[in-house]
Amino acid sequence: MEEVGIYRVSGVATDIQALKAAFDANNKDVSVMMSEMDVNAIAGTLKLYFRELPEPLFTDELYPNFAGGIALSDSVAKESCMLNLLLSLPEPNLVTFLFLLDHLKRVAENESINKMSLHNLATVFGPTLLRPSEKDSKIPTNPTQPITMSDSWSLEVMSQVQVLLYFLQLETIPTPDSKRQSILFSTE
């Protein structure tokens, strides 16, 4: 939590790949490996995990809605839209995100030491947790004001960062406790 640049500074690629391979193999010695590795390799492995998910945590289907919701100018409508969208995530995605959100907020509490503000964390994780599907990754252009591919990509990244930053800045996220508890403590 106190490592300067945690999640922003890259870990050693071979360490990240070794940890990934150990997790993929369900190796029982992963915790021992992690205790011997640099924190940036562990952080890099977590980012890699989210980046390599077959579908992003915020789902291909909901991505355009999150991008639209964050663009709303009315703060009450925005909050209602964003929270409803969040609660419409599949339960495993929602619970995973809530755990990650809590963790990232704890990282930001050490900003004076680690230099990782909520905005820095949103910049690192936003494009990993939210990304358009391949078919939806182009923003429609207005023929009188063409948007280049670079501009389109920049707008998408800005939107992804803004969505995550929005949730990071919320004091609390009202989630149905019964829904959250059923997943966290399920015996199935």
N, C-alpha and C. Protein backbone atom coordinates (compact mmCIF):
# COMPACT_ATOMS: atom_id res chain seq x y z
N MET A 1 0.81 -1.20 0.00
CA MET A 1 0.00 0.00 0.00
C MET A 1 0.86 1.27 0.00
N GLU A 2 2.06 1.15 0.51
CA GLU A 2 2.91 2.33 0.62
C GLU A 2 3.98 2.39 -0.45
N GLU A 3 3.99 1.45 -1.37
CA GLU A 3 4.98 1.43 -2.45
C GLU A 3 4.72 2.60 -3.40
N VAL A 4 5.74 3.43 -3.62
CA VAL A 4 5.58 4.57 -4.52
C VAL A 4 5.23 4.08 -5.92
N GLY A 5 4.13 4.61 -6.45
CA GLY A 5 3.72 4.26 -7.81
C GLY A 5 3.08 2.89 -7.95
N ILE A 6 2.60 2.32 -6.84
CA ILE A 6 1.97 1.00 -6.92
C ILE A 6 0.88 1.03 -7.99
N TYR A 7 0.87 0.04 -8.83
CA TYR A 7 -0.02 -0.13 -9.98
C TYR A 7 0.40 0.71 -11.18
N ARG A 8 1.22 1.74 -10.98
CA ARG A 8 1.68 2.54 -12.12
C ARG A 8 3.06 2.07 -12.57
N VAL A 9 3.91 1.70 -11.63
CA VAL A 9 5.26 1.24 -11.94
C VAL A 9 5.18 -0.23 -12.36
N SER A 10 5.83 -0.54 -13.47
CA SER A 10 5.79 -1.92 -13.98
C SER A 10 6.64 -2.84 -13.13
N GLY A 11 6.15 -4.06 -12.98
CA GLY A 11 6.94 -5.10 -12.33
C GLY A 11 7.81 -5.79 -13.36
N VAL A 12 8.70 -6.63 -12.92
CA VAL A 12 9.57 -7.40 -13.82
C VAL A 12 8.70 -8.40 -14.57
N ALA A 13 8.77 -8.36 -15.90
CA ALA A 13 7.90 -9.18 -16.75
C ALA A 13 8.02 -10.67 -16.44
N THR A 14 9.23 -11.15 -16.20
CA THR A 14 9.39 -12.58 -15.91
C THR A 14 8.73 -12.97 -14.59
N ASP A 15 8.77 -12.06 -13.60
CA ASP A 15 8.09 -12.33 -12.33
C ASP A 15 6.58 -12.36 -12.52
N ILE A 16 6.07 -11.42 -13.30
CA ILE A 16 4.62 -11.38 -13.57
C ILE A 16 4.18 -12.66 -14.27
N GLN A 17 4.95 -13.08 -15.27
CA GLN A 17 4.59 -14.31 -16.00
C GLN A 17 4.70 -15.54 -15.10
N ALA A 18 5.68 -15.56 -14.21
CA ALA A 18 5.81 -16.69 -13.28
C ALA A 18 4.62 -16.75 -12.33
N LEU A 19 4.20 -15.60 -11.82
CA LEU A 19 3.02 -15.57 -10.95
C LEU A 19 1.77 -15.98 -11.71
N LYS A 20 1.63 -15.49 -12.92
CA LYS A 20 0.47 -15.84 -13.75
C LYS A 20 0.43 -17.35 -13.98
N ALA A 21 1.56 -17.92 -14.32
CA ALA A 21 1.63 -19.37 -14.55
C ALA A 21 1.27 -20.15 -13.28
N ALA A 22 1.74 -19.66 -12.13
CA ALA A 22 1.43 -20.33 -10.87
C ALA A 22 -0.06 -20.26 -10.56
N PHE A 23 -0.66 -19.10 -10.78
CA PHE A 23 -2.11 -18.97 -10.57
C PHE A 23 -2.87 -19.85 -11.55
N ASP A 24 -2.46 -19.84 -12.82
CA ASP A 24 -3.13 -20.66 -13.83
C ASP A 24 -3.07 -22.15 -13.49
N ALA A 25 -1.96 -22.57 -12.88
CA ALA A 25 -1.78 -23.97 -12.51
C ALA A 25 -2.39 -24.28 -11.13
N ASN A 26 -2.99 -23.25 -10.52
CA ASN A 26 -3.56 -23.40 -9.18
C ASN A 26 -2.52 -23.92 -8.19
N ASN A 27 -1.32 -23.39 -8.35
CA ASN A 27 -0.17 -23.79 -7.53
C ASN A 27 -0.39 -23.36 -6.08
N LYS A 28 -0.28 -24.30 -5.17
CA LYS A 28 -0.50 -24.00 -3.75
C LYS A 28 0.62 -23.14 -3.16
N ASP A 29 1.73 -23.00 -3.86
CA ASP A 29 2.85 -22.22 -3.36
C ASP A 29 2.83 -20.76 -3.83
N VAL A 30 1.71 -20.32 -4.41
CA VAL A 30 1.63 -18.94 -4.91
C VAL A 30 1.88 -17.94 -3.80
N SER A 31 1.33 -18.17 -2.62
CA SER A 31 1.52 -17.20 -1.53
C SER A 31 2.99 -17.10 -1.12
N VAL A 32 3.71 -18.22 -1.17
CA VAL A 32 5.14 -18.19 -0.87
C VAL A 32 5.87 -17.40 -1.96
N MET A 33 5.52 -17.66 -3.21
CA MET A 33 6.13 -16.91 -4.32
C MET A 33 5.89 -15.41 -4.16
N MET A 34 4.65 -15.06 -3.81
CA MET A 34 4.31 -13.64 -3.69
C MET A 34 5.09 -12.97 -2.57
N SER A 35 5.35 -13.70 -1.49
CA SER A 35 6.09 -13.11 -0.37
C SER A 35 7.53 -12.81 -0.74
N GLU A 36 8.02 -13.46 -1.79
CA GLU A 36 9.41 -13.27 -2.22
C GLU A 36 9.54 -12.31 -3.40
N MET A 37 8.42 -11.82 -3.92
CA MET A 37 8.46 -10.97 -5.12
C MET A 37 8.23 -9.51 -4.78
N ASP A 38 8.68 -8.69 -5.69
CA ASP A 38 8.48 -7.25 -5.60
C ASP A 38 6.99 -6.95 -5.70
N VAL A 39 6.53 -5.97 -4.93
CA VAL A 39 5.12 -5.61 -4.92
C VAL A 39 4.63 -5.19 -6.31
N ASN A 40 5.52 -4.62 -7.12
CA ASN A 40 5.10 -4.19 -8.46
C ASN A 40 4.82 -5.38 -9.38
N ALA A 41 5.49 -6.51 -9.14
CA ALA A 41 5.19 -7.72 -9.92
C ALA A 41 3.82 -8.26 -9.52
N ILE A 42 3.51 -8.21 -8.24
CA ILE A 42 2.20 -8.67 -7.77
C ILE A 42 1.10 -7.76 -8.31
N ALA A 43 1.33 -6.45 -8.23
CA ALA A 43 0.35 -5.49 -8.76
C ALA A 43 0.18 -5.68 -10.27
N GLY A 44 1.28 -5.92 -10.96
CA GLY A 44 1.22 -6.15 -12.41
C GLY A 44 0.45 -7.40 -12.76
N THR A 45 0.55 -8.42 -11.92
CA THR A 45 -0.19 -9.66 -12.14
C THR A 45 -1.69 -9.43 -11.99
N LEU A 46 -2.07 -8.63 -11.01
CA LEU A 46 -3.49 -8.31 -10.84
C LEU A 46 -4.02 -7.54 -12.05
N LYS A 47 -3.27 -6.55 -12.51
CA LYS A 47 -3.71 -5.80 -13.70
C LYS A 47 -3.81 -6.71 -14.91
N LEU A 48 -2.83 -7.61 -15.06
CA LEU A 48 -2.84 -8.55 -16.18
C LEU A 48 -4.07 -9.45 -16.12
N TYR A 49 -4.41 -9.91 -14.94
CA TYR A 49 -5.60 -10.76 -14.77
C TYR A 49 -6.84 -10.05 -15.33
N PHE A 50 -7.06 -8.82 -14.90
CA PHE A 50 -8.24 -8.08 -15.38
C PHE A 50 -8.16 -7.78 -16.88
N ARG A 51 -6.96 -7.49 -17.35
CA ARG A 51 -6.79 -7.19 -18.78
C ARG A 51 -7.06 -8.40 -19.65
N GLU A 52 -6.75 -9.59 -19.16
CA GLU A 52 -6.89 -10.81 -19.96
C GLU A 52 -8.24 -11.51 -19.78
N LEU A 53 -9.13 -10.94 -18.99
CA LEU A 53 -10.46 -11.55 -18.88
C LEU A 53 -11.09 -11.60 -20.27
N PRO A 54 -11.82 -12.66 -20.59
CA PRO A 54 -12.45 -12.74 -21.91
C PRO A 54 -13.41 -11.58 -22.17
N GLU A 55 -14.03 -11.10 -21.11
CA GLU A 55 -14.90 -9.93 -21.19
C GLU A 55 -14.55 -9.03 -20.01
N PRO A 56 -14.51 -7.72 -20.23
CA PRO A 56 -14.15 -6.83 -19.12
C PRO A 56 -15.15 -6.93 -17.97
N LEU A 57 -14.72 -6.52 -16.80
CA LEU A 57 -15.56 -6.59 -15.61
C LEU A 57 -16.88 -5.84 -15.80
N PHE A 58 -16.85 -4.72 -16.53
CA PHE A 58 -18.05 -3.92 -16.74
C PHE A 58 -18.84 -4.38 -17.97
N THR A 59 -18.55 -5.50 -18.53
CA THR A 59 -19.22 -6.21 -19.63
C THR A 59 -19.34 -5.40 -20.92
N ASP A 60 -19.20 -6.13 -22.02
CA ASP A 60 -19.35 -5.53 -23.35
C ASP A 60 -20.73 -4.92 -23.51
N GLU A 61 -21.73 -5.63 -23.02
CA GLU A 61 -23.12 -5.18 -23.19
C GLU A 61 -23.39 -3.86 -22.47
N LEU A 62 -22.85 -3.69 -21.27
CA LEU A 62 -23.14 -2.49 -20.48
C LEU A 62 -22.17 -1.34 -20.73
N TYR A 63 -21.05 -1.61 -21.38
CA TYR A 63 -20.04 -0.56 -21.59
C TYR A 63 -20.63 0.73 -22.19
N PRO A 64 -21.40 0.64 -23.29
CA PRO A 64 -21.93 1.89 -23.87
C PRO A 64 -22.84 2.64 -22.90
N ASN A 65 -23.55 1.92 -22.05
CA ASN A 65 -24.44 2.56 -21.09
C ASN A 65 -23.65 3.30 -20.00
N PHE A 66 -22.54 2.69 -19.54
CA PHE A 66 -21.69 3.37 -18.56
C PHE A 66 -21.09 4.64 -19.19
N ALA A 67 -20.65 4.53 -20.44
CA ALA A 67 -20.08 5.70 -21.13
C ALA A 67 -21.13 6.79 -21.28
N GLY A 68 -22.37 6.41 -21.58
CA GLY A 68 -23.45 7.39 -21.69
C GLY A 68 -23.84 7.97 -20.34
N GLY A 69 -23.87 7.14 -19.32
CA GLY A 69 -24.26 7.59 -17.98
C GLY A 69 -23.29 8.60 -17.41
N ILE A 70 -22.00 8.38 -17.63
CA ILE A 70 -21.01 9.30 -17.07
C ILE A 70 -21.05 10.65 -17.78
N ALA A 71 -21.61 10.68 -18.98
CA ALA A 71 -21.70 11.93 -19.75
C ALA A 71 -22.90 12.78 -19.36
N LEU A 72 -23.81 12.24 -18.55
CA LEU A 72 -24.99 13.01 -18.15
C LEU A 72 -24.57 14.23 -17.33
N SER A 73 -25.20 15.37 -17.60
CA SER A 73 -24.83 16.59 -16.89
C SER A 73 -25.61 16.77 -15.59
N ASP A 74 -26.80 16.22 -15.51
CA ASP A 74 -27.60 16.31 -14.29
C ASP A 74 -27.06 15.32 -13.26
N SER A 75 -26.57 15.83 -12.12
CA SER A 75 -25.90 14.97 -11.15
C SER A 75 -26.83 13.92 -10.54
N VAL A 76 -28.09 14.25 -10.34
CA VAL A 76 -29.04 13.29 -9.77
C VAL A 76 -29.30 12.17 -10.78
N ALA A 77 -29.52 12.55 -12.03
CA ALA A 77 -29.75 11.54 -13.08
C ALA A 77 -28.51 10.68 -13.27
N LYS A 78 -27.33 11.32 -13.20
CA LYS A 78 -26.08 10.57 -13.36
C LYS A 78 -25.93 9.53 -12.24
N GLU A 79 -26.15 9.95 -11.01
CA GLU A 79 -26.00 9.01 -9.89
C GLU A 79 -26.98 7.85 -10.01
N SER A 80 -28.21 8.16 -10.33
CA SER A 80 -29.22 7.11 -10.48
C SER A 80 -28.83 6.14 -11.60
N CYS A 81 -28.44 6.69 -12.72
CA CYS A 81 -28.05 5.87 -13.87
C CYS A 81 -26.84 5.00 -13.55
N MET A 82 -25.80 5.61 -12.99
CA MET A 82 -24.56 4.88 -12.73
C MET A 82 -24.76 3.78 -11.68
N LEU A 83 -25.51 4.06 -10.64
CA LEU A 83 -25.74 3.04 -9.62
C LEU A 83 -26.62 1.91 -10.14
N ASN A 84 -27.64 2.26 -10.92
CA ASN A 84 -28.49 1.21 -11.51
C ASN A 84 -27.68 0.33 -12.46
N LEU A 85 -26.81 0.95 -13.24
CA LEU A 85 -25.96 0.17 -14.14
C LEU A 85 -25.03 -0.74 -13.35
N LEU A 86 -24.43 -0.19 -12.31
CA LEU A 86 -23.51 -0.98 -11.49
C LEU A 86 -24.23 -2.20 -10.91
N LEU A 87 -25.42 -1.98 -10.40
CA LEU A 87 -26.18 -3.08 -9.80
C LEU A 87 -26.71 -4.07 -10.83
N SER A 88 -26.66 -3.69 -12.10
CA SER A 88 -27.10 -4.62 -13.15
C SER A 88 -25.97 -5.51 -13.66
N LEU A 89 -24.76 -5.30 -13.14
CA LEU A 89 -23.65 -6.20 -13.50
C LEU A 89 -23.97 -7.60 -13.01
N PRO A 90 -23.44 -8.61 -13.68
CA PRO A 90 -23.57 -9.97 -13.14
C PRO A 90 -22.99 -10.00 -11.72
N GLU A 91 -23.59 -10.80 -10.85
CA GLU A 91 -23.19 -10.81 -9.44
C GLU A 91 -21.69 -11.03 -9.21
N PRO A 92 -21.06 -11.99 -9.89
CA PRO A 92 -19.60 -12.15 -9.67
C PRO A 92 -18.82 -10.90 -10.07
N ASN A 93 -19.22 -10.24 -11.14
CA ASN A 93 -18.55 -9.02 -11.58
C ASN A 93 -18.73 -7.92 -10.54
N LEU A 94 -19.95 -7.78 -10.04
CA LEU A 94 -20.25 -6.75 -9.05
C LEU A 94 -19.43 -6.95 -7.78
N VAL A 95 -19.43 -8.14 -7.25
CA VAL A 95 -18.71 -8.40 -6.00
C VAL A 95 -17.21 -8.22 -6.20
N THR A 96 -16.69 -8.69 -7.33
CA THR A 96 -15.27 -8.51 -7.63
C THR A 96 -14.94 -7.03 -7.70
N PHE A 97 -15.79 -6.27 -8.39
CA PHE A 97 -15.55 -4.83 -8.50
C PHE A 97 -15.60 -4.16 -7.14
N LEU A 98 -16.55 -4.53 -6.30
CA LEU A 98 -16.65 -3.90 -4.98
C LEU A 98 -15.42 -4.19 -4.12
N PHE A 99 -14.90 -5.41 -4.19
CA PHE A 99 -13.65 -5.71 -3.48
C PHE A 99 -12.50 -4.87 -4.03
N LEU A 100 -12.40 -4.81 -5.35
CA LEU A 100 -11.33 -4.02 -5.97
C LEU A 100 -11.48 -2.54 -5.62
N LEU A 101 -12.70 -2.04 -5.65
CA LEU A 101 -12.96 -0.65 -5.32
C LEU A 101 -12.51 -0.34 -3.89
N ASP A 102 -12.85 -1.21 -2.95
CA ASP A 102 -12.41 -1.02 -1.56
C ASP A 102 -10.88 -1.00 -1.48
N HIS A 103 -10.25 -1.92 -2.20
CA HIS A 103 -8.78 -1.98 -2.20
C HIS A 103 -8.18 -0.69 -2.76
N LEU A 104 -8.69 -0.24 -3.90
CA LEU A 104 -8.14 0.96 -4.53
C LEU A 104 -8.33 2.19 -3.64
N LYS A 105 -9.44 2.25 -2.95
CA LYS A 105 -9.66 3.37 -2.02
C LYS A 105 -8.64 3.32 -0.88
N ARG A 106 -8.32 2.12 -0.40
CA ARG A 106 -7.31 1.99 0.66
C ARG A 106 -5.93 2.39 0.13
N VAL A 107 -5.63 2.04 -1.12
CA VAL A 107 -4.36 2.46 -1.72
C VAL A 107 -4.30 3.99 -1.75
N ALA A 108 -5.39 4.62 -2.18
CA ALA A 108 -5.42 6.09 -2.28
C ALA A 108 -5.33 6.77 -0.92
N GLU A 109 -5.72 6.10 0.14
CA GLU A 109 -5.58 6.68 1.48
C GLU A 109 -4.11 6.91 1.83
N ASN A 110 -3.21 6.22 1.14
CA ASN A 110 -1.77 6.37 1.35
C ASN A 110 -1.12 7.23 0.27
N GLU A 111 -1.91 8.07 -0.38
CA GLU A 111 -1.41 8.88 -1.49
C GLU A 111 -0.19 9.71 -1.12
N SER A 112 -0.13 10.22 0.09
CA SER A 112 1.02 11.05 0.47
C SER A 112 2.32 10.26 0.42
N ILE A 113 2.23 8.94 0.55
CA ILE A 113 3.42 8.09 0.51
C ILE A 113 3.59 7.45 -0.87
N ASN A 114 2.50 6.86 -1.41
CA ASN A 114 2.62 6.10 -2.66
C ASN A 114 2.38 6.92 -3.93
N LYS A 115 1.94 8.16 -3.77
CA LYS A 115 1.70 9.08 -4.90
C LYS A 115 0.59 8.60 -5.83
N MET A 116 -0.28 7.73 -5.34
CA MET A 116 -1.38 7.22 -6.17
C MET A 116 -2.72 7.78 -5.68
N SER A 117 -3.15 8.84 -6.36
CA SER A 117 -4.44 9.45 -6.06
C SER A 117 -5.56 8.62 -6.68
N LEU A 118 -6.79 8.95 -6.34
CA LEU A 118 -7.92 8.27 -6.97
C LEU A 118 -7.87 8.44 -8.48
N HIS A 119 -7.49 9.63 -8.94
CA HIS A 119 -7.40 9.86 -10.39
C HIS A 119 -6.31 8.99 -11.02
N ASN A 120 -5.16 8.90 -10.36
CA ASN A 120 -4.09 8.05 -10.90
C ASN A 120 -4.55 6.59 -10.98
N LEU A 121 -5.23 6.12 -9.95
CA LEU A 121 -5.72 4.74 -9.95
C LEU A 121 -6.78 4.52 -11.02
N ALA A 122 -7.66 5.51 -11.20
CA ALA A 122 -8.67 5.41 -12.26
C ALA A 122 -8.02 5.39 -13.63
N THR A 123 -6.94 6.15 -13.79
CA THR A 123 -6.22 6.17 -15.07
C THR A 123 -5.59 4.82 -15.36
N VAL A 124 -5.06 4.17 -14.33
CA VAL A 124 -4.43 2.86 -14.51
C VAL A 124 -5.47 1.77 -14.75
N PHE A 125 -6.54 1.77 -13.96
CA PHE A 125 -7.50 0.66 -14.01
C PHE A 125 -8.70 0.88 -14.93
N GLY A 126 -9.08 2.12 -15.18
CA GLY A 126 -10.27 2.39 -16.00
C GLY A 126 -10.27 1.64 -17.33
N PRO A 127 -9.23 1.80 -18.15
CA PRO A 127 -9.21 1.11 -19.45
C PRO A 127 -9.10 -0.41 -19.35
N THR A 128 -8.73 -0.91 -18.19
CA THR A 128 -8.64 -2.35 -17.99
C THR A 128 -9.99 -2.94 -17.61
N LEU A 129 -10.74 -2.22 -16.79
CA LEU A 129 -12.03 -2.72 -16.31
C LEU A 129 -13.18 -2.41 -17.25
N LEU A 130 -13.03 -1.35 -18.03
CA LEU A 130 -14.07 -0.93 -18.97
C LEU A 130 -13.42 -0.79 -20.34
N ARG A 131 -13.92 -1.50 -21.28
CA ARG A 131 -13.43 -1.31 -22.65
C ARG A 131 -14.52 -1.75 -23.60
N PRO A 132 -14.59 -1.09 -24.74
CA PRO A 132 -15.64 -1.46 -25.70
C PRO A 132 -15.31 -2.78 -26.37
N SER A 133 -16.35 -3.45 -26.81
CA SER A 133 -16.11 -4.65 -27.62
C SER A 133 -15.49 -4.19 -28.93
N GLU A 134 -14.89 -5.09 -29.64
CA GLU A 134 -14.23 -4.74 -30.91
C GLU A 134 -15.19 -4.03 -31.87
N LYS A 135 -16.42 -4.52 -31.96
CA LYS A 135 -17.36 -3.93 -32.92
C LYS A 135 -17.85 -2.56 -32.48
N ASP A 136 -17.79 -2.25 -31.19
CA ASP A 136 -18.29 -0.97 -30.69
C ASP A 136 -17.19 0.05 -30.39
N SER A 137 -15.97 -0.23 -30.76
CA SER A 137 -14.86 0.62 -30.31
C SER A 137 -14.68 1.89 -31.13
N LYS A 138 -15.53 2.15 -32.08
CA LYS A 138 -15.41 3.37 -32.87
C LYS A 138 -16.53 4.34 -32.49
N ILE A 139 -16.16 5.58 -32.24
CA ILE A 139 -17.15 6.61 -31.94
C ILE A 139 -17.64 7.17 -33.27
N PRO A 140 -18.96 7.28 -33.48
CA PRO A 140 -19.45 7.83 -34.74
C PRO A 140 -18.94 9.25 -34.95
N THR A 141 -18.63 9.55 -36.17
CA THR A 141 -18.08 10.87 -36.47
C THR A 141 -19.13 11.75 -37.13
N ASN A 142 -19.02 13.03 -36.89
CA ASN A 142 -19.83 14.03 -37.55
C ASN A 142 -19.08 14.44 -38.81
N PRO A 143 -19.70 14.37 -39.99
CA PRO A 143 -18.97 14.67 -41.23
C PRO A 143 -18.36 16.06 -41.26
N THR A 144 -18.92 17.01 -40.51
CA THR A 144 -18.34 18.36 -40.51
C THR A 144 -17.16 18.48 -39.56
N GLN A 145 -17.06 17.57 -38.61
CA GLN A 145 -15.94 17.57 -37.66
C GLN A 145 -15.42 16.15 -37.51
N PRO A 146 -14.61 15.70 -38.45
CA PRO A 146 -14.15 14.31 -38.38
C PRO A 146 -13.29 14.08 -37.14
N ILE A 147 -13.47 12.92 -36.57
CA ILE A 147 -12.67 12.50 -35.42
C ILE A 147 -11.71 11.43 -35.91
N THR A 148 -10.44 11.63 -35.67
CA THR A 148 -9.46 10.64 -36.09
C THR A 148 -9.51 9.44 -35.16
N MET A 149 -8.89 8.35 -35.57
CA MET A 149 -8.84 7.16 -34.72
C MET A 149 -8.18 7.48 -33.39
N SER A 150 -7.15 8.30 -33.43
CA SER A 150 -6.45 8.68 -32.20
C SER A 150 -7.39 9.46 -31.27
N ASP A 151 -8.16 10.39 -31.85
CA ASP A 151 -9.12 11.16 -31.05
C ASP A 151 -10.19 10.24 -30.47
N SER A 152 -10.66 9.30 -31.27
CA SER A 152 -11.69 8.35 -30.84
C SER A 152 -11.18 7.53 -29.66
N TRP A 153 -9.97 7.03 -29.78
CA TRP A 153 -9.36 6.23 -28.72
C TRP A 153 -9.20 7.07 -27.45
N SER A 154 -8.76 8.31 -27.61
CA SER A 154 -8.56 9.20 -26.46
C SER A 154 -9.88 9.47 -25.74
N LEU A 155 -10.94 9.69 -26.51
CA LEU A 155 -12.25 9.93 -25.90
C LEU A 155 -12.74 8.71 -25.13
N GLU A 156 -12.51 7.53 -25.68
CA GLU A 156 -12.92 6.31 -24.99
C GLU A 156 -12.14 6.13 -23.69
N VAL A 157 -10.84 6.35 -23.74
CA VAL A 157 -10.02 6.21 -22.53
C VAL A 157 -10.46 7.22 -21.48
N MET A 158 -10.72 8.46 -21.90
CA MET A 158 -11.18 9.47 -20.95
C MET A 158 -12.49 9.05 -20.28
N SER A 159 -13.39 8.49 -21.06
CA SER A 159 -14.66 8.02 -20.53
C SER A 159 -14.45 6.87 -19.54
N GLN A 160 -13.57 5.94 -19.87
CA GLN A 160 -13.28 4.80 -19.00
C GLN A 160 -12.71 5.28 -17.66
N VAL A 161 -11.81 6.23 -17.72
CA VAL A 161 -11.21 6.78 -16.51
C VAL A 161 -12.28 7.49 -15.68
N GLN A 162 -13.13 8.27 -16.35
CA GLN A 162 -14.18 9.01 -15.63
C GLN A 162 -15.16 8.09 -14.93
N VAL A 163 -15.52 6.98 -15.57
CA VAL A 163 -16.46 6.04 -14.95
C VAL A 163 -15.86 5.47 -13.66
N LEU A 164 -14.63 4.99 -13.74
CA LEU A 164 -14.02 4.42 -12.54
C LEU A 164 -13.81 5.49 -11.47
N LEU A 165 -13.37 6.66 -11.88
CA LEU A 165 -13.16 7.75 -10.92
C LEU A 165 -14.47 8.10 -10.22
N TYR A 166 -15.56 8.09 -10.96
CA TYR A 166 -16.87 8.37 -10.37
C TYR A 166 -17.15 7.42 -9.20
N PHE A 167 -16.96 6.13 -9.43
CA PHE A 167 -17.23 5.15 -8.37
C PHE A 167 -16.21 5.26 -7.24
N LEU A 168 -14.96 5.56 -7.56
CA LEU A 168 -13.95 5.72 -6.51
C LEU A 168 -14.27 6.91 -5.60
N GLN A 169 -14.89 7.94 -6.16
CA GLN A 169 -15.18 9.14 -5.38
C GLN A 169 -16.47 9.05 -4.57
N LEU A 170 -17.30 8.07 -4.84
CA LEU A 170 -18.53 7.91 -4.06
C LEU A 170 -18.18 7.49 -2.64
N GLU A 171 -18.83 8.11 -1.68
CA GLU A 171 -18.59 7.74 -0.28
C GLU A 171 -19.01 6.30 -0.02
N THR A 172 -20.22 5.97 -0.43
CA THR A 172 -20.72 4.61 -0.28
C THR A 172 -21.48 4.23 -1.53
N ILE A 173 -21.50 2.96 -1.79
CA ILE A 173 -22.29 2.44 -2.91
C ILE A 173 -23.38 1.58 -2.30
N PRO A 174 -24.63 2.05 -2.41
CA PRO A 174 -25.72 1.29 -1.80
C PRO A 174 -26.01 0.03 -2.60
N THR A 175 -25.53 -1.08 -2.11
CA THR A 175 -25.80 -2.36 -2.77
C THR A 175 -26.67 -3.18 -1.84
N PRO A 176 -27.55 -3.95 -2.43
CA PRO A 176 -28.39 -4.80 -1.57
C PRO A 176 -27.50 -5.77 -0.79
N ASP A 177 -27.47 -5.62 0.53
CA ASP A 177 -26.61 -6.46 1.36
C ASP A 177 -26.90 -7.94 1.17
N SER A 178 -28.15 -8.26 1.00
CA SER A 178 -28.48 -9.68 0.84
C SER A 178 -27.83 -10.24 -0.42
N LYS A 179 -27.83 -9.45 -1.49
CA LYS A 179 -27.21 -9.90 -2.75
C LYS A 179 -25.70 -10.07 -2.54
N ARG A 180 -25.09 -9.09 -1.91
CA ARG A 180 -23.65 -9.11 -1.67
C ARG A 180 -23.28 -10.26 -0.75
N GLN A 181 -24.01 -10.42 0.34
CA GLN A 181 -23.71 -11.48 1.31
C GLN A 181 -23.88 -12.86 0.70
N SER A 182 -24.89 -13.01 -0.17
CA SER A 182 -25.14 -14.34 -0.74
C SER A 182 -23.97 -14.80 -1.58
N ILE A 183 -23.27 -13.89 -2.21
CA ILE A 183 -22.12 -14.27 -3.02
C ILE A 183 -20.88 -14.45 -2.16
N LEU A 184 -20.68 -13.53 -1.24
CA LEU A 184 -19.47 -13.56 -0.42
C LEU A 184 -19.39 -14.81 0.44
N PHE A 185 -20.52 -15.27 0.92
CA PHE A 185 -20.50 -16.37 1.88
C PHE A 185 -21.24 -17.60 1.38
N SER A 186 -21.37 -17.71 0.09
CA SER A 186 -22.05 -18.87 -0.49
C SER A 186 -21.24 -20.13 -0.22
N THR A 187 -21.93 -21.21 0.08
CA THR A 187 -21.25 -22.49 0.32
C THR A 187 -21.33 -23.41 -0.88
N GLU A 188 -21.90 -22.91 -1.96
CA GLU A 188 -22.05 -23.75 -3.16
C GLU A 188 -20.73 -23.93 -3.85
